[in-house]
Amino acid sequence: MEKKINLLAPAKINAFLEIMGRRSDGYHDLKTLFIPVSLYDKIELDLISDGIKVFCSDEDAPSDENNLAAKAARLFFERTGIESGLEIRIEKNIPVAAGLGGGSSDAAAVLKGLNSYFGAPFGIRELCSMGLGLGADVPFFIHSVPSYAEGIGEILAPVEKMVPYEVLIVNPGVPLSTAEVYKNLNLGLTKCKKENKYPALNQGLCDIKEILCNDLEISAMSLCPVIEEIKAYITGQDADGVLMSGSGPSVFGLFSDADKAKKAAGIIKANTKWWACQVEMILGPYGFAA
């Protein structure tokens, strides 16, 4: 059998993120709309005799047992009892600590890749349960379709009707700790309207540009003021909507016209030091398998 497994791990954006309140376990209940996009980390798995080794192209990401991809592999082998080692090579194209879910996506890709290679010992629900122990976003990446999420992000429902947009993602090159953003959060300043948007979203009754909101923006901006500058810059490029993704500091702009998105990306790359990438939303296939 071929011992190498090649995987793609997509990034995500949050079209809205409402923080409902802090839980007794330290996490926060939330409502969010996850959308996977066509920006990928490339992962190569190579089965070896023993040990788990990680080689990552981005020095800001851990290249040891603290990497979520390594934790995912260790968890899979522990749960299955399979005696094998693994070499993980990650070509990082998703910025690190950027609100785009790169680490969680890598972990999900490793779980799914190993599960497929070894004959699918786990179903989707089992993989999601395993992934949740690694990170709140991992279950979403197990599915990797537009999803409305509640709880800490693990209660998922697919959103099947969505107006597609070209997406421009801009990152200032400054990592921002999710834990610090939540620690700095003042729940009294949250502004997103607390309601269940899933019915309207799933029936195609609302355009995502009309619901863009992120309760973590104020906290993130106080720690990383350039976020506000990036939002203004993208807005000035005639975007249909602009929002910070996740806990930041990445900001995305929605464009109904691909040429406008391409032009905006070129202008930002030519006139700033920010990282910019034009991507597409990944829509479907839908339906969550048991």
C-alpha atoms as a PDB file:
ATOM      1  CA  MET A   1       0.000   0.000   0.000  1.00  0.00           C
ATOM      2  CA  GLU A   2       1.113   3.543  -0.717  1.00  0.00           C
ATOM      3  CA  LYS A   3       2.329   5.064   2.535  1.00  0.00           C
ATOM      4  CA  LYS A   4       1.979   8.726   1.531  1.00  0.00           C
ATOM      5  CA  ILE A   5      -1.302  10.603   1.955  1.00  0.00           C
ATOM      6  CA  ASN A   6      -1.781  14.047   0.382  1.00  0.00           C
ATOM      7  CA  LEU A   7      -4.411  16.362   1.849  1.00  0.00           C
ATOM      8  CA  LEU A   8      -5.826  19.853   1.425  1.00  0.00           C
ATOM      9  CA  ALA A   9      -7.002  21.796   4.484  1.00  0.00           C
ATOM     10  CA  PRO A  10      -9.200  24.843   3.660  1.00  0.00           C
ATOM     11  CA  ALA A  11      -9.459  28.107   5.551  1.00  0.00           C
ATOM     12  CA  LYS A  12     -12.755  29.562   6.784  1.00  0.00           C
ATOM     13  CA  ILE A  13     -14.365  32.920   7.326  1.00  0.00           C
ATOM     14  CA  ASN A  14     -17.133  33.802   9.787  1.00  0.00           C
ATOM     15  CA  ALA A  15     -19.901  35.786   8.082  1.00  0.00           C
ATOM     16  CA  PHE A  16     -21.244  36.642  11.507  1.00  0.00           C
ATOM     17  CA  LEU A  17     -20.173  35.820  15.033  1.00  0.00           C
ATOM     18  CA  GLU A  18     -22.473  36.526  17.963  1.00  0.00           C
ATOM     19  CA  ILE A  19     -21.182  35.939  21.491  1.00  0.00           C
ATOM     20  CA  MET A  20     -24.045  34.846  23.729  1.00  0.00           C
ATOM     21  CA  GLY A  21     -22.196  34.695  27.041  1.00  0.00           C
ATOM     22  CA  ARG A  22     -19.452  33.042  29.042  1.00  0.00           C
ATOM     23  CA  ARG A  23     -19.886  29.437  30.196  1.00  0.00           C
ATOM     24  CA  SER A  24     -18.845  27.926  33.490  1.00  0.00           C
ATOM     25  CA  ASP A  25     -16.108  25.928  31.712  1.00  0.00           C
ATOM     26  CA  GLY A  26     -14.462  29.115  30.423  1.00  0.00           C
ATOM     27  CA  TYR A  27     -15.688  28.818  26.853  1.00  0.00           C
ATOM     28  CA  HIS A  28     -18.249  31.173  25.324  1.00  0.00           C
ATOM     29  CA  ASP A  29     -21.576  30.199  23.780  1.00  0.00           C
ATOM     30  CA  LEU A  30     -21.910  31.667  20.324  1.00  0.00           C
ATOM     31  CA  LYS A  31     -23.816  31.714  17.072  1.00  0.00           C
ATOM     32  CA  THR A  32     -21.826  31.897  13.879  1.00  0.00           C
ATOM     33  CA  LEU A  33     -21.876  31.210  10.167  1.00  0.00           C
ATOM     34  CA  PHE A  34     -18.806  29.304   9.012  1.00  0.00           C
ATOM     35  CA  ILE A  35     -17.942  29.423   5.311  1.00  0.00           C
ATOM     36  CA  PRO A  36     -15.000  27.400   3.945  1.00  0.00           C
ATOM     37  CA  VAL A  37     -12.917  29.150   1.286  1.00  0.00           C
ATOM     38  CA  SER A  38     -10.430  28.062  -1.361  1.00  0.00           C
ATOM     39  CA  LEU A  39      -7.258  28.904   0.548  1.00  0.00           C
ATOM     40  CA  TYR A  40      -5.529  25.672   1.516  1.00  0.00           C
ATOM     41  CA  ASP A  41      -2.719  24.325   3.630  1.00  0.00           C
ATOM     42  CA  LYS A  42      -1.137  21.382   1.827  1.00  0.00           C
ATOM     43  CA  ILE A  43      -0.390  18.375   4.024  1.00  0.00           C
ATOM     44  CA  GLU A  44       1.599  15.248   3.271  1.00  0.00           C
ATOM     45  CA  LEU A  45       1.390  12.283   5.633  1.00  0.00           C
ATOM     46  CA  ASP A  46       4.050   9.604   5.469  1.00  0.00           C
ATOM     47  CA  LEU A  47       3.602   6.473   7.569  1.00  0.00           C
ATOM     48  CA  ILE A  48       6.803   5.561   9.413  1.00  0.00           C
ATOM     49  CA  SER A  49       7.752   2.930  11.978  1.00  0.00           C
ATOM     50  CA  ASP A  50       7.214   4.983  15.132  1.00  0.00           C
ATOM     51  CA  GLY A  51       6.892   8.499  16.528  1.00  0.00           C
ATOM     52  CA  ILE A  52       5.036  11.521  15.191  1.00  0.00           C
ATOM     53  CA  LYS A  53       7.155  14.172  13.500  1.00  0.00           C
ATOM     54  CA  VAL A  54       5.980  17.537  12.178  1.00  0.00           C
ATOM     55  CA  PHE A  55       7.686  19.702   9.582  1.00  0.00           C
ATOM     56  CA  CYS A  56       5.969  23.040   8.944  1.00  0.00           C
ATOM     57  CA  SER A  57       6.915  25.690   6.394  1.00  0.00           C
ATOM     58  CA  ASP A  58       5.826  28.562   8.670  1.00  0.00           C
ATOM     59  CA  GLU A  59       8.091  29.149  11.652  1.00  0.00           C
ATOM     60  CA  ASP A  60       5.190  30.782  13.528  1.00  0.00           C
ATOM     61  CA  ALA A  61       3.421  27.413  13.665  1.00  0.00           C
ATOM     62  CA  PRO A  62       4.697  24.741  16.081  1.00  0.00           C
ATOM     63  CA  SER A  63       6.750  21.929  14.555  1.00  0.00           C
ATOM     64  CA  ASP A  64       6.434  19.582  17.514  1.00  0.00           C
ATOM     65  CA  GLU A  65       3.805  17.712  19.528  1.00  0.00           C
ATOM     66  CA  ASN A  66       1.969  20.998  20.177  1.00  0.00           C
ATOM     67  CA  ASN A  67       0.891  21.223  16.539  1.00  0.00           C
ATOM     68  CA  LEU A  68      -2.807  20.341  16.291  1.00  0.00           C
ATOM     69  CA  ALA A  69      -2.107  18.089  13.313  1.00  0.00           C
ATOM     70  CA  ALA A  70       0.237  16.016  15.479  1.00  0.00           C
ATOM     71  CA  LYS A  71      -2.327  15.894  18.286  1.00  0.00           C
ATOM     72  CA  ALA A  72      -4.943  14.706  15.786  1.00  0.00           C
ATOM     73  CA  ALA A  73      -2.677  11.906  14.557  1.00  0.00           C
ATOM     74  CA  ARG A  74      -1.834  10.797  18.088  1.00  0.00           C
ATOM     75  CA  LEU A  75      -5.524  10.767  19.026  1.00  0.00           C
ATOM     76  CA  PHE A  76      -6.415   8.687  15.965  1.00  0.00           C
ATOM     77  CA  PHE A  77      -3.762   6.064  16.685  1.00  0.00           C
ATOM     78  CA  GLU A  78      -4.728   5.933  20.375  1.00  0.00           C
ATOM     79  CA  ARG A  79      -8.422   5.447  19.592  1.00  0.00           C
ATOM     80  CA  THR A  80      -7.832   2.786  16.934  1.00  0.00           C
ATOM     81  CA  GLY A  81      -4.938   0.979  18.598  1.00  0.00           C
ATOM     82  CA  ILE A  82      -3.041   1.128  15.311  1.00  0.00           C
ATOM     83  CA  GLU A  83       0.687   0.916  15.924  1.00  0.00           C
ATOM     84  CA  SER A  84       2.307   3.286  13.481  1.00  0.00           C
ATOM     85  CA  GLY A  85       4.375   6.409  13.354  1.00  0.00           C
ATOM     86  CA  LEU A  86       3.690   9.407  11.157  1.00  0.00           C
ATOM     87  CA  GLU A  87       5.651  12.146   9.479  1.00  0.00           C
ATOM     88  CA  ILE A  88       3.542  15.246   8.830  1.00  0.00           C
ATOM     89  CA  ARG A  89       4.705  17.892   6.357  1.00  0.00           C
ATOM     90  CA  ILE A  90       2.620  21.061   6.253  1.00  0.00           C
ATOM     91  CA  GLU A  91       2.941  23.724   3.587  1.00  0.00           C
ATOM     92  CA  LYS A  92       1.287  26.618   5.406  1.00  0.00           C
ATOM     93  CA  ASN A  93      -0.607  28.914   3.072  1.00  0.00           C
ATOM     94  CA  ILE A  94      -3.166  29.957   5.692  1.00  0.00           C
ATOM     95  CA  PRO A  95      -1.691  32.651   7.978  1.00  0.00           C
ATOM     96  CA  VAL A  96      -1.108  31.528  11.568  1.00  0.00           C
ATOM     97  CA  ALA A  97      -3.229  32.891  14.456  1.00  0.00           C
ATOM     98  CA  ALA A  98      -5.262  34.821  11.910  1.00  0.00           C
ATOM     99  CA  GLY A  99      -8.922  33.987  12.583  1.00  0.00           C
ATOM    100  CA  LEU A 100      -9.022  31.692   9.543  1.00  0.00           C
ATOM    101  CA  GLY A 101      -8.935  28.333  11.328  1.00  0.00           C
ATOM    102  CA  GLY A 102      -5.719  27.005   9.812  1.00  0.00           C
ATOM    103  CA  GLY A 103      -4.631  24.871  12.748  1.00  0.00           C
ATOM    104  CA  SER A 104      -8.093  23.395  13.263  1.00  0.00           C
ATOM    105  CA  SER A 105      -8.400  22.661   9.555  1.00  0.00           C
ATOM    106  CA  ASP A 106      -5.042  20.875   9.542  1.00  0.00           C
ATOM    107  CA  ALA A 107      -6.188  18.724  12.467  1.00  0.00           C
ATOM    108  CA  ALA A 108      -9.473  17.878  10.743  1.00  0.00           C
ATOM    109  CA  ALA A 109      -7.665  16.990   7.521  1.00  0.00           C
ATOM    110  CA  VAL A 110      -5.330  14.614   9.364  1.00  0.00           C
ATOM    111  CA  LEU A 111      -8.241  12.910  11.159  1.00  0.00           C
ATOM    112  CA  LYS A 112     -10.182  12.495   7.913  1.00  0.00           C
ATOM    113  CA  GLY A 113      -7.111  11.452   5.940  1.00  0.00           C
ATOM    114  CA  LEU A 114      -6.038   8.759   8.383  1.00  0.00           C
ATOM    115  CA  ASN A 115      -9.619   7.575   8.818  1.00  0.00           C
ATOM    116  CA  SER A 116     -10.005   7.105   5.070  1.00  0.00           C
ATOM    117  CA  TYR A 117      -6.630   5.412   4.662  1.00  0.00           C
ATOM    118  CA  PHE A 118      -7.307   2.883   7.407  1.00  0.00           C
ATOM    119  CA  GLY A 119     -10.734   1.844   6.130  1.00  0.00           C
ATOM    120  CA  ALA A 120     -12.994   4.374   7.893  1.00  0.00           C
ATOM    121  CA  PRO A 121     -13.130   2.922  11.433  1.00  0.00           C
ATOM    122  CA  PHE A 122     -14.994   6.074  12.541  1.00  0.00           C
ATOM    123  CA  GLY A 123     -18.152   7.714  11.225  1.00  0.00           C
ATOM    124  CA  ILE A 124     -18.519  11.466  10.789  1.00  0.00           C
ATOM    125  CA  ARG A 125     -20.108  11.944  14.204  1.00  0.00           C
ATOM    126  CA  GLU A 126     -17.284  10.072  15.903  1.00  0.00           C
ATOM    127  CA  LEU A 127     -14.687  12.126  14.035  1.00  0.00           C
ATOM    128  CA  CYS A 128     -16.452  15.328  15.079  1.00  0.00           C
ATOM    129  CA  SER A 129     -16.506  14.188  18.710  1.00  0.00           C
ATOM    130  CA  MET A 130     -12.804  13.437  18.550  1.00  0.00           C
ATOM    131  CA  GLY A 131     -12.109  16.738  16.818  1.00  0.00           C
ATOM    132  CA  LEU A 132     -13.963  18.771  19.415  1.00  0.00           C
ATOM    133  CA  GLY A 133     -11.391  17.681  21.979  1.00  0.00           C
ATOM    134  CA  LEU A 134      -8.736  19.305  19.801  1.00  0.00           C
ATOM    135  CA  GLY A 135     -10.524  22.576  19.090  1.00  0.00           C
ATOM    136  CA  ALA A 136     -14.002  24.078  18.835  1.00  0.00           C
ATOM    137  CA  ASP A 137     -13.687  24.683  15.064  1.00  0.00           C
ATOM    138  CA  VAL A 138     -12.494  21.176  14.185  1.00  0.00           C
ATOM    139  CA  PRO A 139     -15.986  19.618  13.832  1.00  0.00           C
ATOM    140  CA  PHE A 140     -16.861  22.267  11.248  1.00  0.00           C
ATOM    141  CA  PHE A 141     -13.763  21.397   9.224  1.00  0.00           C
ATOM    142  CA  ILE A 142     -14.681  17.711   9.367  1.00  0.00           C
ATOM    143  CA  HIS A 143     -17.752  18.686   7.302  1.00  0.00           C
ATOM    144  CA  SER A 144     -16.231  21.686   5.414  1.00  0.00           C
ATOM    145  CA  VAL A 145     -19.514  23.063   4.039  1.00  0.00           C
ATOM    146  CA  PRO A 146     -21.163  26.388   4.940  1.00  0.00           C
ATOM    147  CA  SER A 147     -22.593  25.780   8.386  1.00  0.00           C
ATOM    148  CA  TYR A 148     -24.594  27.591  11.021  1.00  0.00           C
ATOM    149  CA  ALA A 149     -23.066  26.828  14.408  1.00  0.00           C
ATOM    150  CA  GLU A 150     -24.155  27.185  18.016  1.00  0.00           C
ATOM    151  CA  GLY A 151     -22.790  26.068  21.374  1.00  0.00           C
ATOM    152  CA  ILE A 152     -19.042  26.661  21.268  1.00  0.00           C
ATOM    153  CA  GLY A 153     -19.206  26.012  17.536  1.00  0.00           C
ATOM    154  CA  GLU A 154     -19.820  22.273  17.631  1.00  0.00           C
ATOM    155  CA  ILE A 155     -23.603  22.237  17.079  1.00  0.00           C
ATOM    156  CA  LEU A 156     -23.714  22.432  13.294  1.00  0.00           C
ATOM    157  CA  ALA A 157     -26.350  22.650  10.583  1.00  0.00           C
ATOM    158  CA  PRO A 158     -25.534  22.985   6.857  1.00  0.00           C
ATOM    159  CA  VAL A 159     -26.639  26.137   5.025  1.00  0.00           C
ATOM    160  CA  GLU A 160     -27.640  25.044   1.549  1.00  0.00           C
ATOM    161  CA  LYS A 161     -28.843  28.250  -0.078  1.00  0.00           C
ATOM    162  CA  MET A 162     -26.296  31.013  -0.158  1.00  0.00           C
ATOM    163  CA  VAL A 163     -25.484  33.794  -2.592  1.00  0.00           C
ATOM    164  CA  PRO A 164     -21.855  33.186  -3.610  1.00  0.00           C
ATOM    165  CA  TYR A 165     -19.294  35.964  -3.431  1.00  0.00           C
ATOM    166  CA  GLU A 166     -15.694  36.380  -4.383  1.00  0.00           C
ATOM    167  CA  VAL A 167     -13.762  36.838  -1.144  1.00  0.00           C
ATOM    168  CA  LEU A 168     -10.705  39.004  -0.563  1.00  0.00           C
ATOM    169  CA  ILE A 169      -8.824  38.132   2.630  1.00  0.00           C
ATOM    170  CA  VAL A 170      -6.301  40.585   4.068  1.00  0.00           C
ATOM    171  CA  ASN A 171      -4.007  39.879   7.000  1.00  0.00           C
ATOM    172  CA  PRO A 172      -1.618  42.425   8.559  1.00  0.00           C
ATOM    173  CA  GLY A 173       1.018  39.806   9.384  1.00  0.00           C
ATOM    174  CA  VAL A 174       0.534  40.189  13.132  1.00  0.00           C
ATOM    175  CA  PRO A 175      -0.566  36.992  14.955  1.00  0.00           C
ATOM    176  CA  LEU A 176      -3.430  37.546  17.380  1.00  0.00           C
ATOM    177  CA  SER A 177      -4.179  35.138  20.214  1.00  0.00           C
ATOM    178  CA  THR A 178      -7.782  33.939  20.323  1.00  0.00           C
ATOM    179  CA  ALA A 179      -7.479  33.512  24.090  1.00  0.00           C
ATOM    180  CA  GLU A 180      -6.344  37.136  24.501  1.00  0.00           C
ATOM    181  CA  VAL A 181      -9.198  38.444  22.351  1.00  0.00           C
ATOM    182  CA  TYR A 182     -11.761  36.573  24.454  1.00  0.00           C
ATOM    183  CA  LYS A 183     -10.041  37.629  27.678  1.00  0.00           C
ATOM    184  CA  ASN A 184     -10.273  41.259  26.536  1.00  0.00           C
ATOM    185  CA  LEU A 185     -13.939  40.922  25.514  1.00  0.00           C
ATOM    186  CA  ASN A 186     -16.502  43.163  27.217  1.00  0.00           C
ATOM    187  CA  LEU A 187     -19.864  41.417  26.820  1.00  0.00           C
ATOM    188  CA  GLY A 188     -21.585  44.723  27.510  1.00  0.00           C
ATOM    189  CA  LEU A 189     -20.210  46.098  24.243  1.00  0.00           C
ATOM    190  CA  THR A 190     -21.346  43.259  21.998  1.00  0.00           C
ATOM    191  CA  LYS A 191     -23.559  44.549  19.199  1.00  0.00           C
ATOM    192  CA  CYS A 192     -24.779  41.589  17.131  1.00  0.00           C
ATOM    193  CA  LYS A 193     -28.508  40.973  17.483  1.00  0.00           C
ATOM    194  CA  LYS A 194     -29.146  37.756  19.402  1.00  0.00           C
ATOM    195  CA  GLU A 195     -31.479  35.708  17.250  1.00  0.00           C
ATOM    196  CA  ASN A 196     -31.546  32.440  15.314  1.00  0.00           C
ATOM    197  CA  LYS A 197     -30.600  33.323  11.746  1.00  0.00           C
ATOM    198  CA  TYR A 198     -30.516  29.739  10.515  1.00  0.00           C
ATOM    199  CA  PRO A 199     -34.076  29.492   9.136  1.00  0.00           C
ATOM    200  CA  ALA A 200     -33.676  32.588   6.962  1.00  0.00           C
ATOM    201  CA  LEU A 201     -30.184  31.568   5.860  1.00  0.00           C
ATOM    202  CA  ASN A 202     -31.136  28.024   4.935  1.00  0.00           C
ATOM    203  CA  GLN A 203     -34.205  29.162   3.013  1.00  0.00           C
ATOM    204  CA  GLY A 204     -32.178  31.710   1.060  1.00  0.00           C
ATOM    205  CA  LEU A 205     -34.188  34.594   2.509  1.00  0.00           C
ATOM    206  CA  CYS A 206     -31.223  36.731   3.513  1.00  0.00           C
ATOM    207  CA  ASP A 207     -28.028  37.762   1.787  1.00  0.00           C
ATOM    208  CA  ILE A 208     -24.959  37.325   3.975  1.00  0.00           C
ATOM    209  CA  LYS A 209     -23.776  40.858   3.208  1.00  0.00           C
ATOM    210  CA  GLU A 210     -26.826  42.051   5.175  1.00  0.00           C
ATOM    211  CA  ILE A 211     -25.945  40.150   8.354  1.00  0.00           C
ATOM    212  CA  LEU A 212     -22.205  40.797   8.626  1.00  0.00           C
ATOM    213  CA  CYS A 213     -21.400  41.265  12.304  1.00  0.00           C
ATOM    214  CA  ASN A 214     -18.661  40.139  14.676  1.00  0.00           C
ATOM    215  CA  ASP A 215     -18.883  40.663  18.429  1.00  0.00           C
ATOM    216  CA  LEU A 216     -15.127  40.125  18.778  1.00  0.00           C
ATOM    217  CA  GLU A 217     -14.146  43.083  16.583  1.00  0.00           C
ATOM    218  CA  ILE A 218     -14.035  45.707  19.340  1.00  0.00           C
ATOM    219  CA  SER A 219     -11.861  43.504  21.541  1.00  0.00           C
ATOM    220  CA  ALA A 220      -9.550  42.539  18.680  1.00  0.00           C
ATOM    221  CA  MET A 221      -9.230  46.112  17.436  1.00  0.00           C
ATOM    222  CA  SER A 222      -8.165  47.327  20.875  1.00  0.00           C
ATOM    223  CA  LEU A 223      -5.331  44.767  20.773  1.00  0.00           C
ATOM    224  CA  CYS A 224      -4.571  45.204  17.061  1.00  0.00           C
ATOM    225  CA  PRO A 225      -5.718  48.662  15.819  1.00  0.00           C
ATOM    226  CA  VAL A 226      -4.627  47.983  12.223  1.00  0.00           C
ATOM    227  CA  ILE A 227      -7.769  45.839  11.818  1.00  0.00           C
ATOM    228  CA  GLU A 228      -9.877  48.983  11.607  1.00  0.00           C
ATOM    229  CA  GLU A 229      -7.512  50.424   8.990  1.00  0.00           C
ATOM    230  CA  ILE A 230      -7.755  47.279   6.892  1.00  0.00           C
ATOM    231  CA  LYS A 231     -11.552  47.325   7.052  1.00  0.00           C
ATOM    232  CA  ALA A 232     -11.611  50.909   5.819  1.00  0.00           C
ATOM    233  CA  TYR A 233      -9.125  50.132   3.046  1.00  0.00           C
ATOM    234  CA  ILE A 234     -11.161  47.199   1.709  1.00  0.00           C
ATOM    235  CA  THR A 235     -14.372  49.203   1.954  1.00  0.00           C
ATOM    236  CA  GLY A 236     -12.664  51.840  -0.190  1.00  0.00           C
ATOM    237  CA  GLN A 237     -12.121  49.213  -2.893  1.00  0.00           C
ATOM    238  CA  ASP A 238     -15.882  49.016  -3.508  1.00  0.00           C
ATOM    239  CA  ALA A 239     -16.499  45.813  -1.547  1.00  0.00           C
ATOM    240  CA  ASP A 240     -20.108  44.739  -1.013  1.00  0.00           C
ATOM    241  CA  GLY A 241     -19.360  44.016   2.640  1.00  0.00           C
ATOM    242  CA  VAL A 242     -16.376  43.876   5.007  1.00  0.00           C
ATOM    243  CA  LEU A 243     -15.831  42.047   8.307  1.00  0.00           C
ATOM    244  CA  MET A 244     -13.116  40.697  10.569  1.00  0.00           C
ATOM    245  CA  SER A 245     -13.032  36.889  10.542  1.00  0.00           C
ATOM    246  CA  GLY A 246     -13.202  34.931  13.788  1.00  0.00           C
ATOM    247  CA  SER A 247     -10.979  36.413  16.473  1.00  0.00           C
ATOM    248  CA  GLY A 248      -8.920  38.279  13.867  1.00  0.00           C
ATOM    249  CA  PRO A 249      -6.811  39.923  12.779  1.00  0.00           C
ATOM    250  CA  SER A 250      -7.711  38.819   9.225  1.00  0.00           C
ATOM    251  CA  VAL A 251     -10.384  40.872   7.482  1.00  0.00           C
ATOM    252  CA  PHE A 252     -12.389  39.789   4.461  1.00  0.00           C
ATOM    253  CA  GLY A 253     -14.270  41.683   1.810  1.00  0.00           C
ATOM    254  CA  LEU A 254     -17.163  40.304  -0.218  1.00  0.00           C
ATOM    255  CA  PHE A 255     -17.284  41.130  -3.926  1.00  0.00           C
ATOM    256  CA  SER A 256     -20.062  40.215  -6.339  1.00  0.00           C
ATOM    257  CA  ASP A 257     -17.675  40.940  -9.202  1.00  0.00           C
ATOM    258  CA  ALA A 258     -14.520  38.791  -9.559  1.00  0.00           C
ATOM    259  CA  ASP A 259     -12.668  41.509 -11.479  1.00  0.00           C
ATOM    260  CA  LYS A 260     -13.246  44.000  -8.672  1.00  0.00           C
ATOM    261  CA  ALA A 261     -11.910  41.513  -6.143  1.00  0.00           C
ATOM    262  CA  LYS A 262      -8.833  40.853  -8.278  1.00  0.00           C
ATOM    263  CA  LYS A 263      -8.213  44.575  -8.731  1.00  0.00           C
ATOM    264  CA  ALA A 264      -8.584  45.217  -4.995  1.00  0.00           C
ATOM    265  CA  ALA A 265      -6.119  42.441  -4.167  1.00  0.00           C
ATOM    266  CA  GLY A 266      -3.595  43.925  -6.602  1.00  0.00           C
ATOM    267  CA  ILE A 267      -3.958  47.409  -5.133  1.00  0.00           C
ATOM    268  CA  ILE A 268      -3.470  46.172  -1.588  1.00  0.00           C
ATOM    269  CA  LYS A 269      -0.406  44.105  -2.508  1.00  0.00           C
ATOM    270  CA  ALA A 270       1.125  47.047  -4.389  1.00  0.00           C
ATOM    271  CA  ASN A 271       0.458  49.722  -1.789  1.00  0.00           C
ATOM    272  CA  THR A 272       0.678  48.018   1.608  1.00  0.00           C
ATOM    273  CA  LYS A 273       2.757  45.402   3.399  1.00  0.00           C
ATOM    274  CA  TRP A 274      -0.312  43.365   4.191  1.00  0.00           C
ATOM    275  CA  TRP A 275      -0.848  39.803   2.977  1.00  0.00           C
ATOM    276  CA  ALA A 276      -3.808  39.583   0.582  1.00  0.00           C
ATOM    277  CA  CYS A 277      -5.452  36.679  -1.223  1.00  0.00           C
ATOM    278  CA  GLN A 278      -8.507  36.400  -3.476  1.00  0.00           C
ATOM    279  CA  VAL A 279     -10.481  33.185  -2.861  1.00  0.00           C
ATOM    280  CA  GLU A 280     -13.868  31.613  -3.545  1.00  0.00           C
ATOM    281  CA  MET A 281     -16.465  30.246  -1.170  1.00  0.00           C
ATOM    282  CA  ILE A 282     -16.654  26.443  -1.071  1.00  0.00           C
ATOM    283  CA  LEU A 283     -20.344  25.608  -1.457  1.00  0.00           C
ATOM    284  CA  GLY A 284     -21.582  21.991  -1.091  1.00  0.00           C
ATOM    285  CA  PRO A 285     -21.911  19.099  -1.230  1.00  0.00           C
ATOM    286  CA  TYR A 286     -24.371  19.322   1.624  1.00  0.00           C
ATOM    287  CA  GLY A 287     -25.863  16.887   4.081  1.00  0.00           C
ATOM    288  CA  PHE A 288     -24.184  15.695   7.263  1.00  0.00           C
ATOM    289  CA  ALA A 289     -23.540  11.953   7.241  1.00  0.00           C
ATOM    290  CA  ALA A 290     -24.136   9.924  10.385  1.00  0.00           C
END
